[in-house]
Protein backbone atom coordinates (compact mmCIF):
# COMPACT_ATOMS: atom_id res chain seq x y z
CA MET A 1 76.13 -79.88 -18.32
CA GLN A 2 74.81 -81.14 -14.98
CA PHE A 3 71.08 -80.73 -14.37
CA ASN A 4 70.90 -82.22 -10.87
CA ASP A 5 72.52 -79.27 -9.08
CA THR A 6 70.99 -75.98 -7.93
CA ILE A 7 71.22 -72.91 -10.14
CA CYS A 8 70.57 -69.22 -9.47
CA ALA A 9 70.28 -66.03 -11.48
CA ILE A 10 68.80 -62.55 -11.46
CA SER A 11 65.57 -62.87 -13.44
CA THR A 12 64.59 -59.20 -13.69
CA ALA A 13 66.09 -56.74 -16.14
CA GLN A 14 69.53 -55.28 -15.53
CA GLY A 15 69.83 -51.91 -13.87
CA MET A 16 68.16 -50.15 -10.98
CA GLY A 17 64.46 -50.62 -10.23
CA ALA A 18 62.04 -50.74 -7.33
CA ILE A 19 62.11 -54.54 -7.05
CA ALA A 20 64.41 -57.29 -8.34
CA VAL A 21 63.83 -61.07 -8.38
CA ILE A 22 66.57 -63.66 -7.89
CA ARG A 23 65.54 -67.19 -8.77
CA LEU A 24 66.90 -70.56 -7.64
CA SER A 25 65.98 -73.97 -9.01
CA GLY A 26 67.19 -77.39 -7.91
CA PRO A 27 67.18 -79.82 -5.00
CA GLU A 28 69.03 -77.49 -2.59
CA SER A 29 67.04 -74.31 -3.35
CA PHE A 30 65.27 -74.16 0.01
CA SER A 31 68.26 -75.18 2.15
CA ILE A 32 70.57 -72.65 0.44
CA CYS A 33 68.03 -69.89 1.04
CA GLN A 34 67.62 -71.03 4.64
CA ASN A 35 71.37 -70.51 5.19
CA ILE A 36 71.15 -66.79 4.39
CA PHE A 37 67.54 -66.04 5.38
CA LYS A 38 66.43 -64.78 8.79
CA PRO A 39 62.63 -65.12 8.88
CA ALA A 40 60.52 -62.57 10.71
CA LYS A 41 58.88 -65.51 12.49
CA LYS A 42 61.54 -67.28 14.50
CA GLY A 43 62.02 -70.98 13.95
CA LYS A 44 60.52 -71.04 10.46
CA VAL A 45 62.08 -73.66 8.15
CA LEU A 46 61.48 -72.96 4.47
CA ALA A 47 61.62 -76.62 3.42
CA ASN A 48 58.76 -77.40 5.83
CA GLU A 49 56.50 -74.59 4.60
CA LYS A 50 53.65 -75.15 2.18
CA ALA A 51 54.14 -74.73 -1.56
CA ASN A 52 53.11 -71.47 -3.23
CA THR A 53 53.63 -69.42 -0.09
CA ILE A 54 55.56 -66.17 0.52
CA HIS A 55 57.77 -65.51 3.53
CA PHE A 56 59.11 -62.21 4.88
CA GLY A 57 62.50 -61.74 6.49
CA THR A 58 66.04 -60.46 5.93
CA ILE A 59 69.04 -61.74 4.00
CA GLN A 60 72.03 -62.10 6.29
CA ASP A 61 75.74 -62.36 5.51
CA LYS A 62 76.91 -63.65 8.87
CA GLU A 63 75.88 -60.84 11.23
CA THR A 64 75.30 -58.23 8.51
CA SER A 65 71.77 -57.61 7.24
CA ILE A 66 71.80 -57.02 3.48
CA ASP A 67 68.12 -56.41 2.70
CA GLU A 68 64.55 -57.13 3.70
CA VAL A 69 63.07 -59.62 1.23
CA LEU A 70 60.14 -61.82 0.34
CA ILE A 71 60.86 -65.44 -0.58
CA SER A 72 58.30 -67.35 -2.69
CA LEU A 73 58.37 -71.15 -2.58
CA PHE A 74 57.32 -73.49 -5.42
CA LYS A 75 57.73 -77.21 -4.78
CA ASN A 76 58.41 -79.95 -7.30
CA PRO A 77 56.85 -81.17 -9.46
CA HIS A 78 54.37 -78.26 -9.53
CA SER A 79 56.77 -75.51 -10.55
CA PHE A 80 58.00 -73.93 -13.77
CA THR A 81 61.07 -76.17 -13.98
CA GLY A 82 59.54 -79.21 -12.27
CA GLU A 83 62.11 -78.75 -9.47
CA ASP A 84 62.03 -76.90 -6.14
CA ILE A 85 62.12 -73.19 -6.92
CA ALA A 86 62.70 -70.25 -4.57
CA GLU A 87 62.34 -66.66 -5.76
CA ILE A 88 63.84 -63.88 -3.67
CA ALA A 89 62.20 -60.46 -4.17
CA CYS A 90 64.60 -57.80 -2.93
CA HIS A 91 64.99 -54.07 -3.48
CA GLY A 92 66.24 -53.20 -6.96
CA SER A 93 69.67 -51.83 -6.12
CA PRO A 94 72.25 -53.48 -8.41
CA TYR A 95 74.61 -53.65 -5.41
CA ILE A 96 72.03 -55.53 -3.29
CA GLN A 97 71.27 -57.92 -6.16
CA GLN A 98 74.93 -58.79 -6.62
CA GLN A 99 75.50 -59.22 -2.88
CA ILE A 100 72.63 -61.72 -2.61
CA LEU A 101 73.70 -63.54 -5.79
CA GLN A 102 77.27 -63.93 -4.53
CA LEU A 103 75.97 -65.22 -1.19
CA LEU A 104 73.90 -67.88 -2.94
CA ILE A 105 76.91 -69.01 -4.98
CA ARG A 106 79.09 -69.20 -1.86
CA LYS A 107 76.44 -71.36 -0.20
CA GLY A 108 76.46 -73.92 -3.03
CA ALA A 109 74.36 -72.65 -5.93
CA ARG A 110 75.73 -72.33 -9.45
CA LEU A 111 75.14 -69.36 -11.75
CA ALA A 112 72.60 -70.39 -14.40
CA THR A 113 73.47 -70.34 -18.08
CA PRO A 114 71.21 -68.53 -20.61
CA GLY A 115 67.82 -70.23 -20.77
CA GLU A 116 68.74 -72.93 -18.26
CA PHE A 117 65.54 -72.57 -16.22
CA THR A 118 63.45 -73.10 -19.34
CA GLN A 119 65.75 -75.89 -20.50
CA ARG A 120 65.17 -77.70 -17.21
CA ALA A 121 61.44 -77.24 -17.68
CA PHE A 122 61.76 -78.96 -21.07
CA LEU A 123 63.98 -81.77 -19.79
CA ASN A 124 61.62 -82.38 -16.87
CA GLY A 125 58.62 -82.66 -19.20
CA LYS A 126 56.93 -79.41 -18.14
CA MET A 127 56.80 -78.23 -21.75
CA ASP A 128 57.95 -79.40 -25.16
CA LEU A 129 60.62 -77.74 -27.25
CA SER A 130 58.29 -75.60 -29.36
CA GLN A 131 56.67 -74.28 -26.17
CA ALA A 132 60.10 -73.52 -24.71
CA GLU A 133 61.00 -71.51 -27.82
CA ALA A 134 57.69 -69.67 -27.51
CA VAL A 135 58.80 -68.48 -24.06
CA ALA A 136 61.69 -66.60 -25.69
CA ASP A 137 59.34 -65.25 -28.38
CA LEU A 138 56.92 -64.00 -25.73
CA ILE A 139 59.71 -62.18 -23.88
CA ALA A 140 60.90 -60.61 -27.15
CA SER A 141 57.40 -59.72 -28.45
CA ARG A 142 57.07 -56.06 -29.41
CA SER A 143 53.48 -56.00 -30.65
CA GLU A 144 50.05 -57.31 -29.72
CA ALA A 145 50.07 -59.76 -32.63
CA ALA A 146 53.49 -61.16 -31.65
CA ARG A 147 52.34 -61.53 -28.04
CA ARG A 148 49.17 -63.39 -29.04
CA VAL A 149 50.97 -65.85 -31.31
CA ALA A 150 53.76 -66.54 -28.79
CA LEU A 151 51.27 -67.05 -25.95
CA GLN A 152 49.18 -69.44 -28.04
CA GLN A 153 52.28 -71.50 -28.86
CA MET A 154 53.50 -71.44 -25.26
CA ARG A 155 50.14 -72.85 -24.18
CA GLY A 156 50.58 -75.72 -26.62
CA GLY A 157 48.43 -74.70 -29.60
CA PHE A 158 51.10 -75.66 -32.13
CA SER A 159 52.29 -78.69 -30.15
CA ASN A 160 48.80 -80.16 -29.91
CA GLU A 161 48.49 -80.15 -33.71
CA LEU A 162 51.80 -81.99 -34.11
CA VAL A 163 51.19 -84.48 -31.31
CA ASN A 164 47.85 -85.40 -32.90
CA LEU A 165 49.51 -85.94 -36.29
CA ARG A 166 52.30 -88.08 -34.82
CA GLY A 167 49.82 -90.15 -32.83
CA GLN A 168 47.81 -91.06 -35.92
CA LEU A 169 50.92 -91.90 -37.91
CA LEU A 170 52.40 -93.98 -35.09
CA ASN A 171 49.26 -96.08 -35.04
CA PHE A 172 49.53 -96.80 -38.76
CA ILE A 173 53.28 -97.44 -38.82
CA SER A 174 52.87 -100.01 -36.03
CA LEU A 175 50.35 -101.84 -38.20
CA VAL A 176 52.57 -101.59 -41.30
CA GLU A 177 55.55 -102.94 -39.36
CA LEU A 178 53.37 -105.72 -37.95
CA GLU A 179 52.69 -106.74 -41.55
CA LEU A 180 56.44 -107.10 -42.08
CA ASP A 181 56.55 -109.70 -39.29
CA PHE A 182 53.97 -111.74 -41.22
CA SER A 183 55.35 -111.04 -44.70
CA GLU A 184 55.34 -114.72 -45.66
CA GLU A 185 51.62 -114.98 -44.97
CA ASP A 186 50.75 -111.97 -47.18
CA VAL A 187 48.38 -110.30 -44.67
CA GLU A 188 47.40 -106.61 -44.50
CA PHE A 189 46.70 -105.03 -41.10
CA ALA A 190 46.91 -101.35 -42.15
CA ASN A 191 43.96 -100.34 -44.31
CA ARG A 192 45.52 -98.57 -47.30
CA ASP A 193 42.39 -96.53 -48.05
CA GLU A 194 42.29 -95.15 -44.51
CA LEU A 195 46.02 -94.46 -44.62
CA THR A 196 45.58 -92.58 -47.91
CA LYS A 197 42.89 -90.38 -46.32
CA LEU A 198 45.12 -89.72 -43.32
CA VAL A 199 48.10 -88.86 -45.54
CA ASP A 200 45.97 -86.44 -47.56
CA ASN A 201 44.74 -84.76 -44.37
CA ILE A 202 48.27 -84.48 -43.00
CA SER A 203 49.57 -83.08 -46.30
CA GLY A 204 46.85 -80.43 -46.26
CA LEU A 205 47.57 -79.43 -42.67
CA LEU A 206 51.34 -79.32 -43.22
CA THR A 207 50.85 -77.15 -46.30
CA LYS A 208 48.63 -74.79 -44.31
CA LEU A 209 51.20 -74.53 -41.50
CA ILE A 210 54.02 -73.90 -43.97
CA LYS A 211 52.04 -71.15 -45.70
CA SER A 212 51.32 -69.51 -42.33
CA PHE A 213 55.05 -68.84 -41.89
CA SER A 214 54.88 -65.82 -44.22
CA LEU A 215 52.39 -64.21 -41.82
CA GLY A 216 54.24 -65.51 -38.77
CA ASN A 217 57.52 -64.03 -39.93
CA VAL A 218 55.80 -60.69 -40.47
CA ILE A 219 54.24 -60.77 -36.99
CA LYS A 220 57.52 -61.72 -35.32
CA ASN A 221 59.97 -59.48 -37.17
CA GLY A 222 57.79 -56.69 -38.55
CA ILE A 223 56.96 -55.69 -42.12
CA PRO A 224 59.71 -53.86 -44.00
CA VAL A 225 58.26 -50.84 -45.82
CA ALA A 226 60.51 -48.85 -48.20
CA ILE A 227 59.54 -45.22 -48.81
CA VAL A 228 60.90 -44.34 -52.26
CA GLY A 229 60.45 -41.68 -54.90
CA HIS A 230 62.02 -38.65 -56.50
CA THR A 231 63.86 -36.06 -54.43
CA ASN A 232 61.73 -33.53 -52.53
CA ALA A 233 58.56 -35.63 -52.87
CA GLY A 234 58.05 -35.60 -49.09
CA LYS A 235 59.47 -39.00 -48.07
CA SER A 236 61.22 -37.76 -44.96
CA THR A 237 58.22 -35.64 -43.98
CA LEU A 238 56.02 -38.73 -44.22
CA LEU A 239 58.43 -40.75 -42.06
CA ASN A 240 58.44 -38.02 -39.41
CA THR A 241 54.63 -37.85 -39.54
CA LEU A 242 54.24 -41.60 -39.11
CA LEU A 243 56.76 -41.73 -36.27
CA GLN A 244 55.45 -38.52 -34.72
CA GLU A 245 58.98 -37.25 -34.23
CA GLU A 246 61.66 -35.42 -36.23
CA LYS A 247 63.63 -38.53 -37.17
CA ALA A 248 64.70 -37.43 -40.66
CA ILE A 249 66.00 -34.05 -41.82
CA VAL A 250 63.42 -32.19 -43.92
CA SER A 251 64.52 -29.53 -46.40
CA ASP A 252 63.43 -27.95 -49.69
CA ILE A 253 66.91 -28.71 -51.00
CA HIS A 254 66.96 -31.72 -53.35
CA GLY A 255 69.03 -34.71 -52.21
CA THR A 256 68.92 -33.98 -48.45
CA THR A 257 68.52 -37.68 -47.56
CA ARG A 258 71.67 -39.46 -48.66
CA ASP A 259 71.50 -42.62 -46.57
CA VAL A 260 68.88 -45.06 -45.36
CA ILE A 261 66.96 -44.10 -42.18
CA GLU A 262 64.94 -46.82 -40.42
CA ASP A 263 62.49 -46.93 -37.53
CA THR A 264 59.48 -48.96 -36.45
CA ILE A 265 55.91 -48.14 -35.49
CA ASN A 266 53.07 -50.30 -34.26
CA ILE A 267 49.77 -50.05 -36.14
CA GLU A 268 46.90 -52.00 -34.57
CA GLY A 269 49.19 -54.68 -33.18
CA ILE A 270 51.38 -55.07 -36.29
CA THR A 271 54.96 -53.77 -36.40
CA PHE A 272 55.99 -51.93 -39.57
CA ARG A 273 59.66 -51.16 -40.22
CA PHE A 274 59.74 -47.97 -42.27
CA ILE A 275 62.81 -47.22 -44.36
CA ASP A 276 63.31 -43.67 -45.64
CA THR A 277 65.58 -43.80 -48.69
CA ALA A 278 67.54 -41.34 -50.77
CA GLY A 279 65.54 -39.63 -53.51
CA ILE A 280 65.90 -41.11 -56.99
CA ARG A 281 67.41 -38.73 -59.54
CA GLU A 282 70.39 -38.30 -61.84
CA THR A 283 73.35 -36.92 -59.87
CA ILE A 284 77.10 -36.59 -60.11
CA ASP A 285 77.48 -36.47 -56.32
CA LYS A 286 79.29 -39.68 -55.29
CA ILE A 287 77.79 -39.76 -51.76
CA GLU A 288 74.26 -39.22 -53.04
CA SER A 289 74.81 -41.85 -55.75
CA LEU A 290 75.69 -44.40 -53.06
CA GLY A 291 72.47 -43.50 -51.25
CA ILE A 292 70.44 -44.03 -54.44
CA GLU A 293 72.07 -47.44 -54.94
CA ARG A 294 70.96 -48.36 -51.42
CA THR A 295 67.46 -47.18 -52.30
CA TYR A 296 67.28 -49.68 -55.17
CA SER A 297 68.59 -52.39 -52.83
CA LYS A 298 65.87 -51.63 -50.24
CA ILE A 299 63.16 -51.79 -52.92
CA SER A 300 64.07 -55.40 -53.69
CA LYS A 301 64.10 -56.38 -50.00
CA ALA A 302 60.96 -54.60 -48.78
CA GLN A 303 57.61 -56.34 -48.52
CA ILE A 304 55.74 -53.10 -49.16
CA VAL A 305 56.97 -50.24 -51.33
CA LEU A 306 55.50 -46.78 -50.74
CA LEU A 307 56.13 -44.78 -53.91
CA MET A 308 55.92 -41.09 -53.08
CA LEU A 309 54.77 -38.81 -55.90
CA ASP A 310 54.16 -35.07 -55.99
CA VAL A 311 50.57 -34.27 -57.00
CA ASN A 312 51.96 -31.63 -59.37
CA ASP A 313 54.34 -34.03 -61.14
CA PRO A 314 53.79 -34.19 -64.93
CA ASP A 315 52.52 -37.42 -66.47
CA ASP A 316 55.86 -38.43 -67.96
CA LYS A 317 57.58 -38.11 -64.57
CA ILE A 318 54.83 -40.18 -62.90
CA HIS A 319 55.10 -42.85 -65.58
CA GLU A 320 58.89 -42.97 -65.26
CA ALA A 321 58.75 -43.31 -61.45
CA ILE A 322 56.12 -46.09 -61.41
CA THR A 323 57.78 -48.04 -64.22
CA ASN A 324 61.23 -47.72 -62.67
CA VAL A 325 60.07 -48.96 -59.24
CA LYS A 326 57.95 -51.82 -60.60
CA ASN A 327 60.84 -53.09 -62.69
CA ARG A 328 62.89 -53.45 -59.50
CA MET A 329 60.19 -55.18 -57.43
CA ASN A 330 59.92 -58.93 -56.97
CA GLU A 331 56.92 -61.21 -57.06
CA GLY A 332 54.89 -60.99 -53.86
CA GLN A 333 55.87 -57.41 -53.06
CA GLN A 334 53.09 -54.85 -52.85
CA LEU A 335 53.11 -51.29 -54.17
CA ILE A 336 51.20 -48.38 -52.64
CA VAL A 337 51.35 -45.15 -54.64
CA VAL A 338 51.27 -42.21 -52.20
CA VAL A 339 50.47 -38.88 -53.86
CA ASN A 340 51.69 -36.08 -51.62
CA LYS A 341 51.24 -32.31 -51.31
CA THR A 342 47.48 -32.34 -51.95
CA ASP A 343 47.33 -29.27 -49.69
CA LEU A 344 48.78 -27.24 -52.58
CA LEU A 345 45.67 -27.76 -54.72
CA GLU A 346 41.97 -27.18 -54.13
CA ASP A 347 39.91 -30.28 -53.30
CA LYS A 348 38.08 -30.25 -56.63
CA VAL A 349 41.35 -29.94 -58.56
CA VAL A 350 42.82 -32.85 -56.59
CA GLU A 351 39.72 -34.97 -57.29
CA ASN A 352 39.94 -34.26 -61.01
CA ARG A 353 43.65 -35.01 -60.99
CA PHE A 354 42.98 -38.49 -59.56
CA HIS A 355 40.43 -39.28 -62.21
CA GLU A 356 42.96 -38.63 -64.92
CA SER A 357 44.58 -41.61 -66.64
CA SER A 358 48.03 -40.51 -65.51
CA PHE A 359 47.34 -42.01 -62.07
CA ARG A 360 44.67 -44.65 -62.58
CA GLU A 361 46.11 -46.37 -65.63
CA LEU A 362 49.76 -46.10 -64.70
CA ALA A 363 49.22 -47.49 -61.20
CA GLU A 364 47.01 -50.28 -62.62
CA THR A 365 45.53 -52.26 -59.71
CA ASP A 366 47.83 -50.88 -57.00
CA ALA A 367 46.47 -48.70 -54.21
CA ILE A 368 46.62 -44.92 -54.67
CA VAL A 369 46.45 -42.78 -51.53
CA PRO A 370 46.31 -38.96 -51.69
CA ILE A 371 47.88 -37.33 -48.62
CA SER A 372 49.47 -34.20 -47.29
CA ALA A 373 52.36 -35.37 -45.14
CA LYS A 374 53.03 -31.81 -44.00
CA HIS A 375 49.47 -31.25 -42.73
CA HIS A 376 48.86 -34.92 -41.71
CA THR A 377 45.96 -35.19 -44.14
CA ASN A 378 44.61 -38.73 -44.83
CA ILE A 379 47.39 -40.47 -42.91
CA ASP A 380 44.65 -42.75 -41.54
CA GLY A 381 43.84 -43.73 -45.13
CA LEU A 382 47.46 -44.68 -45.67
CA THR A 383 47.64 -46.80 -42.49
CA THR A 384 44.42 -48.55 -43.58
CA GLU A 385 46.04 -49.49 -46.89
CA LEU A 386 49.12 -50.74 -45.05
CA LEU A 387 47.00 -53.01 -42.84
CA LYS A 388 45.20 -54.38 -45.91
CA THR A 389 48.49 -55.88 -47.07
CA VAL A 390 48.55 -58.14 -43.99
CA ASN A 391 46.09 -61.03 -43.94
CA LEU A 392 45.06 -61.09 -40.29
CA THR A 393 42.21 -63.59 -40.73
CA ALA A 394 44.28 -66.46 -39.32
CA LEU A 395 45.32 -64.33 -36.33
CA ASP A 396 41.76 -63.19 -35.66
CA ASN A 397 40.55 -66.81 -35.81
CA ASP A 398 43.29 -67.96 -33.38
CA GLU A 399 44.65 -70.37 -35.97
CA VAL A 400 48.08 -71.93 -35.47
CA ILE A 401 50.71 -69.67 -37.05
CA VAL A 402 54.32 -70.76 -37.56
CA THR A 403 56.84 -68.06 -36.58
CA ASN A 404 60.02 -70.07 -36.07
CA ALA A 405 62.41 -70.74 -38.98
CA ARG A 406 63.51 -74.04 -37.43
CA HIS A 407 59.90 -75.23 -37.30
CA TYR A 408 59.34 -74.05 -40.88
CA GLU A 409 62.29 -76.08 -42.15
CA ALA A 410 61.18 -79.22 -40.26
CA LEU A 411 57.63 -78.85 -41.61
CA GLN A 412 58.95 -78.61 -45.17
CA LYS A 413 60.95 -81.81 -44.70
CA SER A 414 57.87 -83.47 -43.16
CA LEU A 415 55.80 -82.48 -46.19
CA GLU A 416 58.41 -83.90 -48.56
CA ALA A 417 58.38 -87.18 -46.64
CA ILE A 418 54.57 -87.41 -46.45
CA THR A 419 54.47 -86.72 -50.21
CA ARG A 420 56.69 -89.77 -50.73
CA VAL A 421 54.28 -91.79 -48.56
CA SER A 422 51.39 -90.65 -50.77
CA GLU A 423 53.27 -91.54 -53.95
CA GLY A 424 54.21 -94.92 -52.47
CA LEU A 425 50.59 -95.71 -51.65
CA THR A 426 49.58 -94.82 -55.21
CA SER A 427 52.30 -96.98 -56.76
CA GLY A 428 51.78 -99.81 -54.29
CA ILE A 429 55.32 -100.00 -52.91
CA SER A 430 56.17 -102.60 -50.29
CA GLY A 431 55.48 -102.06 -46.60
CA ASP A 432 59.13 -101.69 -45.58
CA PHE A 433 59.69 -98.70 -47.92
CA LEU A 434 56.37 -97.24 -46.82
CA ALA A 435 57.36 -97.59 -43.16
CA GLN A 436 60.69 -95.86 -43.82
CA ASP A 437 58.98 -92.77 -45.29
CA ILE A 438 56.48 -92.65 -42.40
CA ARG A 439 59.39 -92.84 -39.93
CA GLU A 440 60.93 -89.78 -41.62
CA VAL A 441 57.70 -87.82 -41.15
CA LEU A 442 57.63 -88.83 -37.48
CA HIS A 443 61.28 -87.82 -37.12
CA PHE A 444 60.88 -84.31 -38.52
CA LEU A 445 57.67 -83.64 -36.57
CA GLY A 446 59.41 -84.93 -33.44
CA GLU A 447 62.30 -82.51 -34.00
CA ILE A 448 59.89 -79.58 -33.60
CA THR A 449 58.48 -80.67 -30.25
CA GLY A 450 61.73 -82.14 -28.95
CA GLN A 451 60.65 -85.77 -28.98
CA ILE A 452 63.68 -86.15 -31.26
CA ASN A 453 66.52 -83.86 -30.19
CA THR A 454 70.28 -83.50 -30.09
CA ASP A 455 72.53 -81.58 -27.72
CA GLU A 456 73.54 -79.33 -30.63
CA VAL A 457 69.93 -78.32 -31.35
CA LEU A 458 69.23 -77.67 -27.66
CA GLY A 459 72.42 -75.64 -27.35
CA ASN A 460 71.55 -73.44 -30.32
CA ILE A 461 68.05 -72.80 -29.00
CA PHE A 462 68.78 -71.99 -25.37
CA LYS A 463 71.93 -69.95 -25.93
CA ASN A 464 69.72 -67.16 -27.30
CA PHE A 465 67.68 -66.91 -24.10
CA CYS A 466 68.37 -64.31 -21.44
CA ILE A 467 70.02 -65.46 -18.20
CA GLY A 468 67.40 -66.02 -15.50
CA LYS A 469 64.74 -67.47 -17.80
């Protein structure tokens, strides 16, 4: 792909709106605009105007006026892409947008590929690769937490950590490789004790970053929450209450929900993906049986399992439900026992019921939340328990949080390589083997920021961007 030509694209969302923005980037941005722009002030030449200024006029196709517009000018190297950029703000008619875009192409611009503006920013040194990926994450963010993490990474929070690590390692590897040039004289330029301390510090930081991915993945993609339990326990009513809409069919008839129903809600900046499942019971209905099989599948894949129980259920039924669900859960999953229909009993009876061993002992250390989904009683208590399952300390402290699977994989490989460096220092291996392991750490860290890159990696990253960004 050529990156020395001029590209253009519609940068605002598709469809009709009040305003649309068409962006150009490249050496001919101003001259191409000049060819179709009639400024309100006669004689104005866009290329001669100051940077970061806005100019009013009309877009002309020969003698035909297409629209009144504002053109913003950003001059290299102080622009998003590091090139000359012109942004045309026109009225949001899809017809007008397409007319202007076609004019720009006829005058010499090329239609941008997905993510090409951001790719040019990376190639021109305006941002590193992890920051470029954070741009896409920021656009796709659907919660406050996702926005905060993406913005921190786009501003270089993650990159700064990695650049600092690489800088320290580069200093040491240069000394180790200098030793190789004087191998016959048996000299030591790199202090092994200082290198050991550095390796230990890097190992600790890499481990911390790798562990943060579990939180980062939750923030980026949402927390899957499976609502399970016996038929008619109130699962669909709870889903409707949480979503504040009639998403699932509610009926007194057992086995109404036969398939999986999913939707998301945002609770204090965290996205939860709630999954209403078919009620668990013995049935000869083939369709319902398929739904129950899917319920068991969702239990194993959810991060949080909400087990719905009826407050009037007998002890043996409670025991069976809790045991059955726990046997299908994996390590790391969290169980919240939700006891529904408390509105059917008096408060004192409900309180006594919860002090009985049937709930406390069978649920062991898991949270137990009494609610009435029908009357919206103690839903706040349930959302509080849900938020407790997410460790937001790192987010609140603005710590670096890894959200990208590609970064996670590279960090794991970096940790494996730095572990080999540590083992080599302990065993006293020769400098050439030590240098090779350090080079591997540098390589994998460089892959994250783009200091080491391939066309294939860049292609995979930027193809997922929207056109115009």
